[in-house]
């Protein structure tokens, strides 16, 4: 089966596989380019996180399911509480309407751009 990529990707990069090679070259170069396509972590997850993940997979049969699209309610509440504790005096985030859990930073940025930026809009990204 032949994989198909959009005509834009074929035209600009010569196909999908070549895209990540180009992005990786740019990310390793002298200019500031963020490669959000894949992760190359240089550290292991904490032993607590690994233990909890193992426990969930091995022992919590009903908890090992896909979550709700915005994230599990308990996790969203915990993130809201953490934000309030970490940034005293800031606006309290409503976990039902103002907190969303994503699988990655790339997904979070993509969802944000899709929601807030229209074709032709210009925006600045600051460090």
Protein backbone atom coordinates (compact mmCIF):
# COMPACT_ATOMS: atom_id res chain seq x y z
CA UNK A 1 0.00 0.00 0.00
CA UNK A 2 1.38 3.38 -0.96
CA UNK A 3 1.18 6.12 1.68
CA UNK A 4 -0.33 9.38 0.55
CA UNK A 5 0.61 12.85 1.74
CA UNK A 6 -1.04 16.14 0.87
CA UNK A 7 -0.06 17.85 -2.37
CA UNK A 8 1.38 20.72 -0.31
CA UNK A 9 3.77 18.38 1.50
CA UNK A 10 4.68 16.60 -1.74
CA UNK A 11 5.31 19.91 -3.49
CA UNK A 12 7.28 21.56 -0.69
CA UNK A 13 9.17 18.62 0.78
CA UNK A 14 8.99 15.80 -1.71
CA UNK A 15 6.87 13.60 0.55
CA UNK A 16 6.09 12.96 4.19
CA UNK A 17 9.22 11.03 5.21
CA UNK A 18 11.44 13.86 4.04
CA UNK A 19 9.60 16.41 6.21
CA UNK A 20 10.99 15.10 9.50
CA UNK A 21 14.50 14.94 8.09
CA UNK A 22 14.27 18.61 7.09
CA UNK A 23 12.79 19.65 10.44
CA UNK A 24 15.47 17.73 12.34
CA UNK A 25 18.22 19.40 10.27
CA UNK A 26 16.70 22.82 11.00
CA UNK A 27 16.37 22.05 14.72
CA UNK A 28 20.04 21.04 14.92
CA UNK A 29 21.18 24.12 12.99
CA UNK A 30 22.24 27.55 14.25
CA UNK A 31 18.79 29.16 13.97
CA UNK A 32 16.13 28.80 16.63
CA UNK A 33 13.73 26.18 15.31
CA UNK A 34 11.68 23.97 17.61
CA UNK A 35 11.19 20.40 16.45
CA UNK A 36 7.79 19.48 17.86
CA UNK A 37 7.47 16.38 15.71
CA UNK A 38 9.11 13.86 17.96
CA UNK A 39 10.69 13.66 21.34
CA UNK A 40 14.24 12.75 22.21
CA UNK A 41 14.15 12.85 26.00
CA UNK A 42 17.51 12.71 27.70
CA UNK A 43 16.06 11.57 31.03
CA UNK A 44 13.85 8.80 32.38
CA UNK A 45 10.48 9.43 33.91
CA UNK A 46 10.45 9.54 37.70
CA UNK A 47 10.25 6.22 39.50
CA UNK A 48 6.93 7.35 41.04
CA UNK A 49 5.41 8.09 37.61
CA UNK A 50 6.68 4.78 36.19
CA UNK A 51 5.35 2.90 39.21
CA UNK A 52 1.92 4.55 38.99
CA UNK A 53 1.71 3.87 35.24
CA UNK A 54 2.68 0.21 35.80
CA UNK A 55 0.12 -0.12 38.58
CA UNK A 56 -2.62 1.36 36.38
CA UNK A 57 -1.83 -1.01 33.53
CA UNK A 58 -1.47 -4.13 35.68
CA UNK A 59 -4.04 -3.67 38.44
CA UNK A 60 -6.66 -1.07 37.60
CA UNK A 61 -8.57 -2.85 34.85
CA UNK A 62 -11.37 -0.30 34.55
CA UNK A 63 -9.02 2.67 34.73
CA UNK A 64 -6.93 1.61 31.73
CA UNK A 65 -9.23 3.19 29.13
CA UNK A 66 -9.20 6.16 26.79
CA UNK A 67 -10.05 9.31 28.70
CA UNK A 68 -12.58 12.00 27.96
CA UNK A 69 -11.44 14.39 25.22
CA UNK A 70 -10.60 17.29 27.59
CA UNK A 71 -9.01 14.93 30.14
CA UNK A 72 -10.22 13.13 33.24
CA UNK A 73 -12.18 15.41 35.62
CA UNK A 74 -9.97 14.54 38.61
CA UNK A 75 -6.82 15.38 36.63
CA UNK A 76 -8.28 18.69 35.42
CA UNK A 77 -9.26 19.57 39.01
CA UNK A 78 -5.78 18.65 40.24
CA UNK A 79 -4.18 20.82 37.55
CA UNK A 80 -6.45 23.73 38.46
CA UNK A 81 -5.51 23.34 42.14
CA UNK A 82 -1.80 23.08 41.28
CA UNK A 83 -1.99 26.25 39.16
CA UNK A 84 -3.73 28.16 41.97
CA UNK A 85 -1.08 27.00 44.47
CA UNK A 86 1.83 27.73 42.12
CA UNK A 87 0.59 31.18 41.08
CA UNK A 88 -0.99 32.78 44.16
CA UNK A 89 -3.23 35.71 43.35
CA UNK A 90 -3.88 34.51 39.81
CA UNK A 91 -7.32 33.79 38.42
CA UNK A 92 -8.76 30.49 39.65
CA UNK A 93 -9.15 28.21 36.63
CA UNK A 94 -12.47 26.40 36.23
CA UNK A 95 -11.49 22.77 35.56
CA UNK A 96 -14.69 22.19 33.57
CA UNK A 97 -14.23 25.05 31.10
CA UNK A 98 -10.64 26.35 31.38
CA UNK A 99 -8.41 23.28 31.74
CA UNK A 100 -7.71 20.81 28.94
CA UNK A 101 -5.27 17.91 29.05
CA UNK A 102 -3.44 17.02 25.83
CA UNK A 103 -1.16 14.12 24.93
CA UNK A 104 1.73 16.43 24.07
CA UNK A 105 2.90 19.99 23.72
CA UNK A 106 2.51 19.66 19.97
CA UNK A 107 -1.16 18.76 20.35
CA UNK A 108 -1.69 21.67 22.76
CA UNK A 109 -0.11 24.14 20.34
CA UNK A 110 -2.02 22.71 17.36
CA UNK A 111 -5.35 22.94 19.18
CA UNK A 112 -4.57 26.48 20.33
CA UNK A 113 -3.60 27.64 16.84
CA UNK A 114 -6.68 26.00 15.31
CA UNK A 115 -8.88 27.78 17.85
CA UNK A 116 -7.24 31.21 17.77
CA UNK A 117 -5.43 31.77 14.46
CA UNK A 118 -7.02 32.19 11.04
CA UNK A 119 -5.25 31.80 7.67
CA UNK A 120 -3.37 35.03 6.96
CA UNK A 121 -3.11 36.05 10.64
CA UNK A 122 0.31 37.02 11.91
CA UNK A 123 1.51 36.41 15.45
CA UNK A 124 4.73 36.56 17.44
CA UNK A 125 6.16 33.82 19.61
CA UNK A 126 8.32 35.04 22.46
CA UNK A 127 10.82 33.15 24.56
